[in-house]
Amino acid sequence: MAYDEKLDVVLWKGSVGNLQVTVQKYKDGEAKLQIGPRLVVEEGKEDKFFKAGRLTAEEFDYIIKSAPEIKKAMTGTASKKK
């Protein structure tokens, strides 16, 4: 079966700097945490996405501070955040 974008649901979304952090669920599967991609926007150019790679202390702190919200999203006890 091919991937269907309509079945991919974002349960929680946050970002710090250019790093995106999401909790997503596909179809009836379990919710999973995704760290990345990085979105780099350059004036006059197309937006580019890169792997998350190594995290800065600020990015790590953001994830740690967001952990309760992330956990709630992953266990189905939180509302969607944009």
C-alpha atoms as a PDB file:
ATOM      1  CA  MET A   1       0.000   0.000   0.000  1.00  0.00           C
ATOM      2  CA  ALA A   2       1.322   3.424  -0.943  1.00  0.00           C
ATOM      3  CA  TYR A   3       1.786   6.316   1.472  1.00  0.00           C
ATOM      4  CA  ASP A   4      -1.304   8.549   1.697  1.00  0.00           C
ATOM      5  CA  GLU A   5      -0.629  12.061   3.015  1.00  0.00           C
ATOM      6  CA  LYS A   6      -4.259  12.383   4.165  1.00  0.00           C
ATOM      7  CA  LEU A   7      -3.726   9.595   6.726  1.00  0.00           C
ATOM      8  CA  ASP A   8      -0.697  11.294   8.321  1.00  0.00           C
ATOM      9  CA  VAL A   9      -1.921  13.333  11.308  1.00  0.00           C
ATOM     10  CA  VAL A  10       0.102  15.933  13.233  1.00  0.00           C
ATOM     11  CA  LEU A  11      -0.855  15.678  16.909  1.00  0.00           C
ATOM     12  CA  TRP A  12       1.589  18.276  18.246  1.00  0.00           C
ATOM     13  CA  LYS A  13       3.922  20.736  16.575  1.00  0.00           C
ATOM     14  CA  GLY A  14       6.593  23.075  17.865  1.00  0.00           C
ATOM     15  CA  SER A  15       9.791  24.681  16.687  1.00  0.00           C
ATOM     16  CA  VAL A  16      12.902  26.293  18.067  1.00  0.00           C
ATOM     17  CA  GLY A  17      15.050  28.303  15.703  1.00  0.00           C
ATOM     18  CA  ASN A  18      14.906  26.455  12.394  1.00  0.00           C
ATOM     19  CA  LEU A  19      14.311  23.034  13.992  1.00  0.00           C
ATOM     20  CA  GLN A  20      10.847  21.503  13.743  1.00  0.00           C
ATOM     21  CA  VAL A  21       9.597  19.062  16.382  1.00  0.00           C
ATOM     22  CA  THR A  22       6.370  17.120  15.823  1.00  0.00           C
ATOM     23  CA  VAL A  23       4.344  14.227  17.136  1.00  0.00           C
ATOM     24  CA  GLN A  24       2.712  12.429  14.236  1.00  0.00           C
ATOM     25  CA  LYS A  25       0.551   9.392  13.716  1.00  0.00           C
ATOM     26  CA  TYR A  26      -0.088   7.507  10.481  1.00  0.00           C
ATOM     27  CA  LYS A  27      -3.480   5.872  10.039  1.00  0.00           C
ATOM     28  CA  ASP A  28      -4.135   3.694  13.120  1.00  0.00           C
ATOM     29  CA  GLY A  29      -0.466   3.442  14.100  1.00  0.00           C
ATOM     30  CA  GLU A  30       1.080   4.698  17.309  1.00  0.00           C
ATOM     31  CA  ALA A  31       2.051   8.340  17.761  1.00  0.00           C
ATOM     32  CA  LYS A  32       5.763   9.004  17.251  1.00  0.00           C
ATOM     33  CA  LEU A  33       8.103  11.894  17.959  1.00  0.00           C
ATOM     34  CA  GLN A  34       9.979  13.394  15.020  1.00  0.00           C
ATOM     35  CA  ILE A  35      12.895  15.749  15.612  1.00  0.00           C
ATOM     36  CA  GLY A  36      13.569  17.632  12.402  1.00  0.00           C
ATOM     37  CA  PRO A  37      13.786  18.612   9.692  1.00  0.00           C
ATOM     38  CA  ARG A  38      15.498  21.962   9.809  1.00  0.00           C
ATOM     39  CA  LEU A  39      13.912  24.612   7.606  1.00  0.00           C
ATOM     40  CA  VAL A  40      16.376  27.066   6.124  1.00  0.00           C
ATOM     41  CA  VAL A  41      14.889  30.134   4.455  1.00  0.00           C
ATOM     42  CA  GLU A  42      17.159  32.260   2.308  1.00  0.00           C
ATOM     43  CA  GLU A  43      15.950  35.521   0.840  1.00  0.00           C
ATOM     44  CA  GLY A  44      15.141  35.168  -2.846  1.00  0.00           C
ATOM     45  CA  LYS A  45      15.585  31.368  -2.792  1.00  0.00           C
ATOM     46  CA  GLU A  46      13.358  28.362  -2.224  1.00  0.00           C
ATOM     47  CA  ASP A  47      13.004  27.067   1.337  1.00  0.00           C
ATOM     48  CA  LYS A  48      15.277  24.077   1.996  1.00  0.00           C
ATOM     49  CA  PHE A  49      14.839  21.222   4.437  1.00  0.00           C
ATOM     50  CA  PHE A  50      17.787  19.474   6.100  1.00  0.00           C
ATOM     51  CA  LYS A  51      18.197  16.594   8.559  1.00  0.00           C
ATOM     52  CA  ALA A  52      18.145  17.687  12.188  1.00  0.00           C
ATOM     53  CA  GLY A  53      21.682  16.481  12.836  1.00  0.00           C
ATOM     54  CA  ARG A  54      23.194  17.509  16.153  1.00  0.00           C
ATOM     55  CA  LEU A  55      21.183  19.615  18.580  1.00  0.00           C
ATOM     56  CA  THR A  56      22.291  22.801  20.288  1.00  0.00           C
ATOM     57  CA  ALA A  57      21.824  23.245  24.030  1.00  0.00           C
ATOM     58  CA  GLU A  58      18.906  25.618  23.285  1.00  0.00           C
ATOM     59  CA  GLU A  59      17.192  23.022  21.079  1.00  0.00           C
ATOM     60  CA  PHE A  60      17.739  20.290  23.667  1.00  0.00           C
ATOM     61  CA  ASP A  61      16.307  22.541  26.411  1.00  0.00           C
ATOM     62  CA  TYR A  62      13.233  23.236  24.254  1.00  0.00           C
ATOM     63  CA  ILE A  63      12.582  19.521  23.810  1.00  0.00           C
ATOM     64  CA  ILE A  64      13.084  18.812  27.516  1.00  0.00           C
ATOM     65  CA  LYS A  65      10.762  21.674  28.529  1.00  0.00           C
ATOM     66  CA  SER A  66       8.164  20.510  25.980  1.00  0.00           C
ATOM     67  CA  ALA A  67       8.398  16.874  27.111  1.00  0.00           C
ATOM     68  CA  PRO A  68       5.157  16.903  29.162  1.00  0.00           C
ATOM     69  CA  GLU A  69       3.164  18.294  26.210  1.00  0.00           C
ATOM     70  CA  ILE A  70       4.880  15.871  23.824  1.00  0.00           C
ATOM     71  CA  LYS A  71       4.097  12.912  26.107  1.00  0.00           C
ATOM     72  CA  LYS A  72       0.434  13.954  26.347  1.00  0.00           C
ATOM     73  CA  ALA A  73       0.199  14.168  22.554  1.00  0.00           C
ATOM     74  CA  MET A  74       1.812  10.755  22.185  1.00  0.00           C
ATOM     75  CA  THR A  75      -0.569   9.127  24.667  1.00  0.00           C
ATOM     76  CA  GLY A  76      -3.682  10.822  23.258  1.00  0.00           C
ATOM     77  CA  THR A  77      -4.440  13.081  26.197  1.00  0.00           C
ATOM     78  CA  ALA A  78      -3.673  16.449  24.571  1.00  0.00           C
ATOM     79  CA  SER A  79      -5.338  18.684  22.057  1.00  0.00           C
ATOM     80  CA  LYS A  80      -3.642  19.594  18.800  1.00  0.00           C
ATOM     81  CA  LYS A  81      -1.145  22.467  18.938  1.00  0.00           C
ATOM     82  CA  LYS A  82       0.054  24.499  15.986  1.00  0.00           C
END
